[in-house]
Amino acid sequence: MKTSTDRPLSGADFFLLWMGAAISLAEIWAGGLLAPLGLFAGLAAIVLGHVIGNTPMALGGIIGSRHEVPAMVSTRDALGHRGSYLPAVLNVIQLTGWTAVMLRICGQAADAVVPGDRGIGVRGWILVSGILTTAWALTGHGLRRWLQRGAVTLLTALSLLMTGIVFRRYGLADLLAIRPDGTLPFGQGLDLVIAMPISWLPLVSDYSRFARDSRSCFWGTWWGYLLAGSWMYAVGLCAALAARTANPDGMVLGLMAETGLIGPALLIIILSTITTTFLDMYSTAVSVRSLAPKWNERAVILAGGLLGTLLAVVFPATEYESFLLFIGAMFCPLFGVVLADYFILRRMQFGPPPAGIRPDAMLAWAAGFALYQLATRQAWALGASLPALLGAAGLHLALRAARHPRPGPSPGGAS
């Protein structure tokens, strides 16, 4: 039997863990992408997108909390043992990309607050943040738990200060006067929101496996990411609307620097990068070890941190929107299959998985990916994320039912 030492994390710990993940410059940046929708439609997309995206994210965590397995292992029942290799490889790629994105955004924001002639330049800040985040990811679970509590509490207070400064400069009347320009369909805006919590689905069980119980883990995850993610997106949306900028995170932090709050602005930049990006670094190692269990976890974390930091030096941050949509296209249908398999077909039972590949599950995943692409190109009103997730889940259930039909009544009727 597992003890509280083996599974130490409470619902409050998960609330703070995912709140820390959501308070990030990337969320503010992504909120700015919704500016073409205008204030009301943008806020509607933010709230609805987080509700839709957070639900499968938190449900995915239930598999880890009930069965103490990391996220990529949780795909094995649905896809087969060998079938799980493909999402694990894709997850390593996307997590390394996220590490590079986050460190690059950190470097650019820090350089904007402390320009190169007075600071250390974009690359210098990338190296500093990369080293600090890698060190954070290398700490043990016990120490990291307390570091996370302190960091997120401080980060929340600083973010409240940041939000107050933005709305002192740009009032509600100014925002209401701005009209949407119609260049972004609502469905695509919704996808840009849903993609953020969905991007955590391939690693949520890496942390929920340490939960004391599934219920508190689910609600701590759901509420922590919903509240902080919606908040950061809204700040980015409002800043982008008011300042007519494609770089709302830099504008927000620039306002803090103008008022003499350079230190708090830098703390927000560094702390938000660490509390978000260490999750990517640690889970990169977990996904790699699902493919090669004998590899040393700390060595893989160190290698992943180094690679992500080096990529950040040359990462094209202008491709961020496309990166978000690619993540949604890959992982929305995948976890539609996984969640349908676990909650409906297996009725929340897990393992042992088949050794090979489940072709029906892989086909449903591929069909969901194709549906996502179709919905994106045709600008469906519902967006692409939800149809892809539900479509892949439905096809998986239909294919399994066709292969294993329920027995009908005997020809002779009841005896």
Protein backbone atom coordinates (compact mmCIF):
# COMPACT_ATOMS: atom_id res chain seq x y z
CA MET A 1 0.00 0.00 0.00
CA LYS A 2 1.25 3.46 -0.88
CA THR A 3 1.79 5.89 1.99
CA SER A 4 1.31 9.67 2.14
CA THR A 5 5.08 9.96 1.70
CA ASP A 6 4.87 8.11 -1.62
CA ARG A 7 1.83 10.14 -2.73
CA PRO A 8 2.25 13.48 -0.92
CA LEU A 9 0.31 15.96 -3.07
CA SER A 10 -3.03 17.36 -1.88
CA GLY A 11 -5.73 19.15 -3.87
CA ALA A 12 -4.22 22.47 -2.77
CA ASP A 13 -0.84 21.37 -4.13
CA PHE A 14 -2.39 20.63 -7.52
CA PHE A 15 -4.25 23.95 -7.46
CA LEU A 16 -0.94 25.77 -6.95
CA LEU A 17 0.96 23.54 -9.39
CA TRP A 18 -1.41 24.28 -12.27
CA MET A 19 -1.95 27.87 -11.25
CA GLY A 20 1.82 28.30 -11.49
CA ALA A 21 1.78 26.64 -14.91
CA ALA A 22 -0.95 29.00 -16.15
CA ILE A 23 0.57 32.24 -14.85
CA SER A 24 2.98 32.62 -17.72
CA LEU A 25 4.04 35.04 -20.40
CA ALA A 26 2.93 32.49 -23.00
CA GLU A 27 -0.67 32.77 -21.78
CA ILE A 28 -0.54 36.56 -21.98
CA TRP A 29 0.97 36.28 -25.46
CA ALA A 30 -1.71 33.81 -26.56
CA GLY A 31 -4.43 36.08 -25.14
CA GLY A 32 -3.16 38.82 -27.41
CA LEU A 33 -3.75 36.58 -30.43
CA LEU A 34 -7.50 36.89 -29.71
CA ALA A 35 -7.54 40.67 -30.17
CA PRO A 36 -9.24 40.47 -33.62
CA LEU A 37 -12.30 39.02 -31.86
CA GLY A 38 -12.80 42.16 -29.79
CA LEU A 39 -13.42 42.32 -26.04
CA PHE A 40 -16.68 40.44 -25.56
CA ALA A 41 -16.12 37.64 -28.08
CA GLY A 42 -12.50 37.34 -26.90
CA LEU A 43 -13.53 36.95 -23.26
CA ALA A 44 -16.21 34.44 -24.25
CA ALA A 45 -13.60 32.39 -26.14
CA ILE A 46 -11.26 32.54 -23.14
CA VAL A 47 -13.78 31.27 -20.59
CA LEU A 48 -15.43 28.70 -22.86
CA GLY A 49 -12.09 27.49 -24.20
CA HIS A 50 -10.68 26.93 -20.72
CA VAL A 51 -13.81 25.11 -19.55
CA ILE A 52 -13.67 22.82 -22.61
CA GLY A 53 -9.90 22.28 -22.51
CA ASN A 54 -9.55 21.92 -18.73
CA THR A 55 -12.10 19.12 -18.50
CA PRO A 56 -10.25 16.46 -20.55
CA MET A 57 -6.99 17.69 -19.04
CA ALA A 58 -8.22 17.03 -15.50
CA LEU A 59 -9.91 13.77 -16.56
CA GLY A 60 -6.59 12.60 -17.99
CA GLY A 61 -5.06 13.19 -14.57
CA ILE A 62 -7.53 10.74 -13.01
CA ILE A 63 -5.81 7.84 -14.78
CA GLY A 64 -2.52 8.79 -13.16
CA SER A 65 -3.98 9.40 -9.72
CA ARG A 66 -5.94 6.11 -9.66
CA HIS A 67 -3.26 3.85 -11.11
CA GLU A 68 0.00 5.71 -10.33
CA VAL A 69 1.15 5.76 -13.94
CA PRO A 70 2.67 8.65 -15.95
CA ALA A 71 0.85 10.11 -18.94
CA MET A 72 2.51 8.19 -21.75
CA VAL A 73 2.02 4.89 -19.92
CA SER A 74 -1.68 5.80 -19.59
CA THR A 75 -2.01 5.57 -23.41
CA ARG A 76 -0.94 1.92 -23.54
CA ASP A 77 -4.31 0.30 -22.86
CA ALA A 78 -5.87 2.21 -25.74
CA LEU A 79 -3.01 2.09 -28.27
CA GLY A 80 -1.11 -1.00 -27.19
CA HIS A 81 2.38 -1.05 -25.65
CA ARG A 82 4.17 -0.46 -28.94
CA GLY A 83 1.44 1.91 -30.09
CA SER A 84 2.27 4.18 -27.15
CA TYR A 85 5.76 4.79 -28.55
CA LEU A 86 4.50 7.25 -31.17
CA PRO A 87 2.76 9.66 -28.73
CA ALA A 88 5.79 9.40 -26.44
CA VAL A 89 8.11 10.50 -29.25
CA LEU A 90 5.72 13.29 -30.26
CA ASN A 91 5.50 14.38 -26.64
CA VAL A 92 9.27 14.63 -26.32
CA ILE A 93 9.30 16.81 -29.44
CA GLN A 94 6.49 19.08 -28.28
CA LEU A 95 7.88 19.42 -24.73
CA THR A 96 11.32 20.30 -26.04
CA GLY A 97 9.60 22.86 -28.28
CA TRP A 98 7.64 24.28 -25.35
CA THR A 99 10.84 24.59 -23.34
CA ALA A 100 12.42 26.56 -26.18
CA VAL A 101 9.30 28.74 -26.62
CA MET A 102 9.08 29.60 -22.93
CA LEU A 103 12.78 30.38 -22.55
CA ARG A 104 12.76 32.48 -25.72
CA ILE A 105 9.76 34.50 -24.54
CA CYS A 106 11.47 34.93 -21.17
CA GLY A 107 14.65 36.21 -22.79
CA GLN A 108 12.83 38.69 -24.99
CA ALA A 109 10.67 39.99 -22.13
CA ALA A 110 13.61 40.38 -19.74
CA ASP A 111 15.62 42.19 -22.39
CA ALA A 112 12.69 44.57 -22.95
CA VAL A 113 12.59 45.40 -19.24
CA VAL A 114 16.38 45.65 -18.90
CA PRO A 115 17.71 46.49 -22.40
CA GLY A 116 20.96 44.99 -23.65
CA ASP A 117 23.01 48.11 -22.99
CA ARG A 118 22.12 47.81 -19.28
CA GLY A 119 21.48 44.07 -19.05
CA ILE A 120 22.80 40.84 -20.52
CA GLY A 121 20.82 40.64 -23.77
CA VAL A 122 18.23 38.16 -24.96
CA ARG A 123 20.64 35.24 -25.16
CA GLY A 124 22.03 36.00 -21.73
CA TRP A 125 18.56 35.94 -20.17
CA ILE A 126 17.76 32.71 -22.02
CA LEU A 127 20.83 31.09 -20.51
CA VAL A 128 20.03 32.36 -17.02
CA SER A 129 16.43 31.19 -17.15
CA GLY A 130 17.44 27.88 -18.72
CA ILE A 131 19.95 27.17 -15.94
CA LEU A 132 17.51 28.14 -13.15
CA THR A 133 14.64 26.13 -14.63
CA THR A 134 16.79 23.05 -15.15
CA ALA A 135 18.01 23.27 -11.55
CA TRP A 136 14.39 23.56 -10.37
CA ALA A 137 13.39 20.48 -12.40
CA LEU A 138 16.29 18.53 -10.87
CA THR A 139 15.15 19.11 -7.27
CA GLY A 140 13.39 16.30 -5.45
CA HIS A 141 9.61 16.19 -5.19
CA GLY A 142 9.58 17.19 -1.51
CA LEU A 143 11.72 20.30 -1.91
CA ARG A 144 10.02 21.25 -5.17
CA ARG A 145 6.62 21.12 -3.48
CA TRP A 146 7.62 23.81 -0.99
CA LEU A 147 9.45 25.87 -3.60
CA GLN A 148 6.32 25.79 -5.76
CA ARG A 149 4.09 26.95 -2.93
CA GLY A 150 6.27 29.95 -2.16
CA ALA A 151 6.92 30.85 -5.79
CA VAL A 152 3.27 30.71 -6.87
CA THR A 153 2.12 32.74 -3.86
CA LEU A 154 4.64 35.46 -4.69
CA LEU A 155 3.87 35.23 -8.40
CA THR A 156 0.14 35.65 -7.79
CA ALA A 157 0.73 38.80 -5.74
CA LEU A 158 3.03 40.25 -8.41
CA SER A 159 0.54 39.39 -11.15
CA LEU A 160 -2.23 41.22 -9.28
CA LEU A 161 0.06 44.25 -9.19
CA MET A 162 0.73 43.87 -12.93
CA THR A 163 -2.99 43.61 -13.72
CA GLY A 164 -3.76 46.71 -11.67
CA ILE A 165 -1.15 48.73 -13.55
CA VAL A 166 -2.59 47.68 -16.92
CA PHE A 167 -6.14 48.69 -16.04
CA ARG A 168 -5.01 51.96 -14.49
CA ARG A 169 -3.49 52.88 -17.84
CA TYR A 170 -6.27 51.52 -20.06
CA GLY A 171 -9.81 51.82 -18.72
CA LEU A 172 -12.84 49.73 -19.56
CA ALA A 173 -14.33 52.51 -21.66
CA ASP A 174 -11.29 52.47 -23.95
CA LEU A 175 -11.59 48.71 -24.42
CA LEU A 176 -15.32 48.82 -25.12
CA ALA A 177 -14.76 51.38 -27.87
CA ILE A 178 -12.55 48.97 -29.84
CA ARG A 179 -14.40 46.98 -32.50
CA PRO A 180 -13.40 43.49 -33.71
CA ASP A 181 -11.74 43.48 -37.12
CA GLY A 182 -13.18 40.12 -38.22
CA THR A 183 -9.86 38.60 -39.29
CA LEU A 184 -10.06 35.73 -36.77
CA PRO A 185 -13.05 33.33 -36.81
CA PHE A 186 -14.48 32.65 -33.34
CA GLY A 187 -13.91 28.91 -33.74
CA GLN A 188 -10.21 29.38 -34.43
CA GLY A 189 -9.93 31.73 -31.47
CA LEU A 190 -11.57 29.04 -29.34
CA ASP A 191 -8.98 26.54 -30.58
CA LEU A 192 -6.15 28.87 -29.55
CA VAL A 193 -7.50 28.76 -26.00
CA ILE A 194 -8.36 25.05 -25.88
CA ALA A 195 -4.91 24.15 -27.22
CA MET A 196 -3.21 25.51 -24.09
CA PRO A 197 -4.77 23.19 -21.46
CA ILE A 198 -4.84 20.36 -24.00
CA SER A 199 -1.09 20.77 -24.41
CA TRP A 200 -0.78 19.66 -20.76
CA LEU A 201 -2.79 16.45 -21.30
CA PRO A 202 0.30 14.47 -22.43
CA LEU A 203 1.96 15.16 -19.07
CA VAL A 204 -0.78 15.78 -16.48
CA SER A 205 -0.54 12.21 -15.13
CA ASP A 206 3.21 12.64 -14.63
CA TYR A 207 2.16 14.70 -11.59
CA SER A 208 -1.28 13.33 -10.69
CA ARG A 209 0.31 9.93 -9.98
CA PHE A 210 1.59 11.51 -6.74
CA ALA A 211 -1.91 12.58 -5.62
CA ARG A 212 -3.37 11.50 -2.29
CA ASP A 213 -6.77 11.00 -3.91
CA SER A 214 -8.33 11.42 -7.36
CA ARG A 215 -11.18 13.78 -6.41
CA SER A 216 -9.04 16.54 -4.91
CA CYS A 217 -6.49 16.11 -7.71
CA PHE A 218 -9.19 16.58 -10.36
CA TRP A 219 -10.70 19.71 -8.86
CA GLY A 220 -7.36 21.23 -7.84
CA THR A 221 -6.10 20.79 -11.41
CA TRP A 222 -9.34 22.02 -13.00
CA TRP A 223 -9.81 25.16 -10.93
CA GLY A 224 -6.13 26.10 -10.68
CA TYR A 225 -5.64 26.16 -14.43
CA LEU A 226 -9.07 27.60 -15.22
CA LEU A 227 -8.74 30.64 -12.96
CA ALA A 228 -5.11 31.52 -13.67
CA GLY A 229 -5.26 30.67 -17.37
CA SER A 230 -8.39 32.74 -17.97
CA TRP A 231 -6.85 35.61 -16.00
CA MET A 232 -3.61 35.66 -18.01
CA TYR A 233 -5.40 35.31 -21.36
CA ALA A 234 -7.70 38.21 -20.41
CA VAL A 235 -4.74 40.42 -19.48
CA GLY A 236 -3.13 39.66 -22.84
CA LEU A 237 -6.35 40.30 -24.74
CA CYS A 238 -7.00 43.63 -23.05
CA ALA A 239 -3.40 44.79 -23.42
CA ALA A 240 -3.33 43.86 -27.12
CA LEU A 241 -6.63 45.65 -27.76
CA ALA A 242 -5.71 48.80 -25.88
CA ALA A 243 -2.16 49.20 -27.13
CA ARG A 244 -2.74 47.79 -30.64
CA THR A 245 0.25 45.52 -30.13
CA ALA A 246 1.11 41.98 -31.15
CA ASN A 247 3.43 41.76 -28.12
CA PRO A 248 1.12 42.24 -25.11
CA ASP A 249 3.43 40.55 -22.60
CA GLY A 250 6.24 42.98 -23.42
CA MET A 251 3.84 45.93 -23.26
CA VAL A 252 2.48 44.88 -19.85
CA LEU A 253 5.94 44.43 -18.38
CA GLY A 254 7.07 47.65 -20.03
CA LEU A 255 4.36 49.51 -18.14
CA MET A 256 5.73 48.11 -14.89
CA ALA A 257 9.24 49.19 -15.83
CA GLU A 258 7.98 52.70 -16.66
CA THR A 259 6.61 53.04 -13.14
CA GLY A 260 9.95 52.01 -11.63
CA LEU A 261 8.94 48.41 -10.89
CA ILE A 262 11.81 46.80 -12.81
CA GLY A 263 12.55 44.31 -10.02
CA PRO A 264 8.96 43.03 -9.72
CA ALA A 265 8.72 42.83 -13.53
CA LEU A 266 11.86 40.69 -13.71
CA LEU A 267 10.56 38.48 -10.89
CA ILE A 268 7.35 37.86 -12.82
CA ILE A 269 9.33 36.97 -15.92
CA ILE A 270 11.74 34.58 -14.20
CA LEU A 271 9.31 32.98 -11.73
CA SER A 272 6.55 32.45 -14.30
CA THR A 273 9.06 30.85 -16.66
CA ILE A 274 10.36 28.49 -13.98
CA THR A 275 6.97 27.41 -12.56
CA THR A 276 5.73 26.61 -16.07
CA THR A 277 8.79 25.32 -17.90
CA PHE A 278 10.13 22.94 -15.26
CA LEU A 279 7.01 20.84 -15.95
CA ASP A 280 8.10 20.51 -19.57
CA MET A 281 11.65 19.57 -18.65
CA TYR A 282 10.67 16.99 -16.05
CA SER A 283 8.01 15.42 -18.26
CA THR A 284 10.42 15.22 -21.19
CA ALA A 285 12.48 12.88 -19.02
CA VAL A 286 9.39 10.90 -17.96
CA SER A 287 8.36 10.42 -21.61
CA VAL A 288 11.88 9.42 -22.64
CA ARG A 289 11.98 6.87 -19.81
CA SER A 290 8.66 5.39 -20.98
CA LEU A 291 10.67 4.43 -24.09
CA ALA A 292 13.96 3.61 -22.35
CA PRO A 293 13.24 2.82 -18.66
CA LYS A 294 16.89 2.18 -17.79
CA TRP A 295 17.97 5.73 -18.60
CA ASN A 296 18.76 7.91 -15.61
CA GLU A 297 15.98 10.46 -14.98
CA ARG A 298 18.22 13.29 -13.76
CA ALA A 299 20.59 12.85 -16.69
CA VAL A 300 17.69 13.06 -19.15
CA ILE A 301 16.31 16.17 -17.40
CA LEU A 302 19.74 17.79 -17.70
CA ALA A 303 20.02 16.85 -21.38
CA GLY A 304 16.49 18.09 -22.12
CA GLY A 305 17.14 21.38 -20.34
CA LEU A 306 20.34 21.89 -22.31
CA LEU A 307 18.68 21.11 -25.66
CA GLY A 308 15.69 23.33 -24.95
CA THR A 309 17.96 26.20 -23.91
CA LEU A 310 20.07 25.90 -27.05
CA LEU A 311 16.96 25.78 -29.26
CA ALA A 312 15.60 28.86 -27.53
CA VAL A 313 18.52 30.88 -28.84
CA VAL A 314 17.28 30.37 -32.43
CA PHE A 315 13.59 29.50 -31.94
CA PRO A 316 11.25 31.45 -34.29
CA ALA A 317 8.77 32.87 -31.77
CA THR A 318 6.65 34.22 -34.64
CA GLU A 319 5.54 30.61 -35.30
CA TYR A 320 3.93 30.37 -31.86
CA GLU A 321 0.33 30.39 -33.12
CA SER A 322 1.02 27.58 -35.61
CA PHE A 323 2.77 25.62 -32.85
CA LEU A 324 -0.31 25.85 -30.60
CA LEU A 325 -2.60 24.63 -33.37
CA PHE A 326 -0.26 21.74 -34.23
CA ILE A 327 -0.33 20.59 -30.59
CA GLY A 328 -4.11 20.68 -30.58
CA ALA A 329 -4.27 18.75 -33.84
CA MET A 330 -2.09 15.93 -32.48
CA PHE A 331 -3.20 15.56 -28.89
CA CYS A 332 -6.94 16.43 -28.93
CA PRO A 333 -7.87 13.30 -30.93
CA LEU A 334 -5.27 11.14 -29.18
CA PHE A 335 -6.75 11.76 -25.77
CA GLY A 336 -10.26 11.52 -27.16
CA VAL A 337 -9.33 7.89 -27.87
CA VAL A 338 -7.56 7.38 -24.52
CA LEU A 339 -10.33 8.88 -22.39
CA ALA A 340 -13.12 7.05 -24.25
CA ASP A 341 -11.20 3.78 -23.88
CA TYR A 342 -10.59 4.25 -20.16
CA PHE A 343 -13.86 5.76 -18.96
CA ILE A 344 -16.35 4.02 -21.29
CA LEU A 345 -14.87 0.77 -22.58
CA ARG A 346 -12.78 -0.21 -19.58
CA ARG A 347 -14.96 1.49 -16.96
CA MET A 348 -11.96 3.02 -15.21
CA GLN A 349 -9.90 -0.19 -15.13
CA PHE A 350 -6.28 -0.18 -16.28
CA GLY A 351 -3.90 -2.79 -17.71
CA PRO A 352 -2.26 -4.99 -18.52
CA PRO A 353 -2.00 -3.52 -22.05
CA PRO A 354 -1.53 -5.60 -25.21
CA ALA A 355 2.08 -5.90 -26.31
CA GLY A 356 1.61 -4.72 -29.88
CA ILE A 357 -0.39 -1.98 -31.58
CA ARG A 358 -4.18 -1.53 -31.61
CA PRO A 359 -4.90 -0.63 -35.26
CA ASP A 360 -8.46 0.55 -34.54
CA ALA A 361 -7.25 3.05 -31.95
CA MET A 362 -4.50 4.32 -34.25
CA LEU A 363 -7.03 4.69 -37.06
CA ALA A 364 -9.39 6.68 -34.82
CA TRP A 365 -6.49 8.93 -33.78
CA ALA A 366 -5.48 9.54 -37.41
CA ALA A 367 -9.09 10.26 -38.39
CA GLY A 368 -9.39 12.75 -35.55
CA PHE A 369 -6.23 14.50 -36.73
CA ALA A 370 -7.66 14.72 -40.27
CA LEU A 371 -10.93 16.06 -38.88
CA TYR A 372 -9.01 18.75 -37.00
CA GLN A 373 -7.29 19.84 -40.20
CA LEU A 374 -10.59 19.90 -42.10
CA ALA A 375 -12.34 21.94 -39.43
CA THR A 376 -9.46 24.42 -39.29
CA ARG A 377 -9.37 24.95 -43.05
CA GLN A 378 -13.15 25.35 -43.30
CA ALA A 379 -13.30 27.55 -40.16
CA TRP A 380 -16.06 25.59 -38.46
CA ALA A 381 -18.07 27.61 -35.95
CA LEU A 382 -17.32 25.08 -33.20
CA GLY A 383 -13.63 25.21 -33.96
CA ALA A 384 -11.54 22.11 -34.52
CA SER A 385 -10.48 20.91 -31.05
CA LEU A 386 -13.82 19.69 -29.74
CA PRO A 387 -14.95 17.99 -33.00
CA ALA A 388 -11.56 16.25 -33.28
CA LEU A 389 -11.62 15.01 -29.68
CA LEU A 390 -15.24 13.82 -29.81
CA GLY A 391 -14.92 12.47 -33.36
CA ALA A 392 -11.87 10.36 -32.50
CA ALA A 393 -13.56 9.10 -29.32
CA GLY A 394 -16.74 8.21 -31.18
CA LEU A 395 -14.91 6.41 -33.98
CA HIS A 396 -12.83 4.46 -31.47
CA LEU A 397 -15.97 3.31 -29.66
CA ALA A 398 -17.65 2.38 -32.96
CA LEU A 399 -14.65 0.38 -34.20
CA ARG A 400 -14.34 -1.49 -30.92
CA ALA A 401 -18.07 -2.25 -30.95
CA ALA A 402 -17.79 -3.59 -34.51
CA ARG A 403 -14.90 -5.87 -33.54
CA HIS A 404 -16.48 -7.05 -30.29
CA PRO A 405 -20.27 -6.95 -30.72
CA ARG A 406 -22.44 -7.73 -27.75
CA PRO A 407 -24.04 -11.19 -27.97
CA GLY A 408 -27.72 -11.11 -28.88
CA PRO A 409 -30.50 -13.30 -27.44
CA SER A 410 -30.32 -17.02 -28.19
CA PRO A 411 -32.49 -18.24 -31.11
CA GLY A 412 -34.64 -20.31 -28.82
CA GLY A 413 -35.52 -17.41 -26.57
CA ALA A 414 -35.57 -17.61 -22.80
CA SER A 415 -35.67 -21.07 -21.35
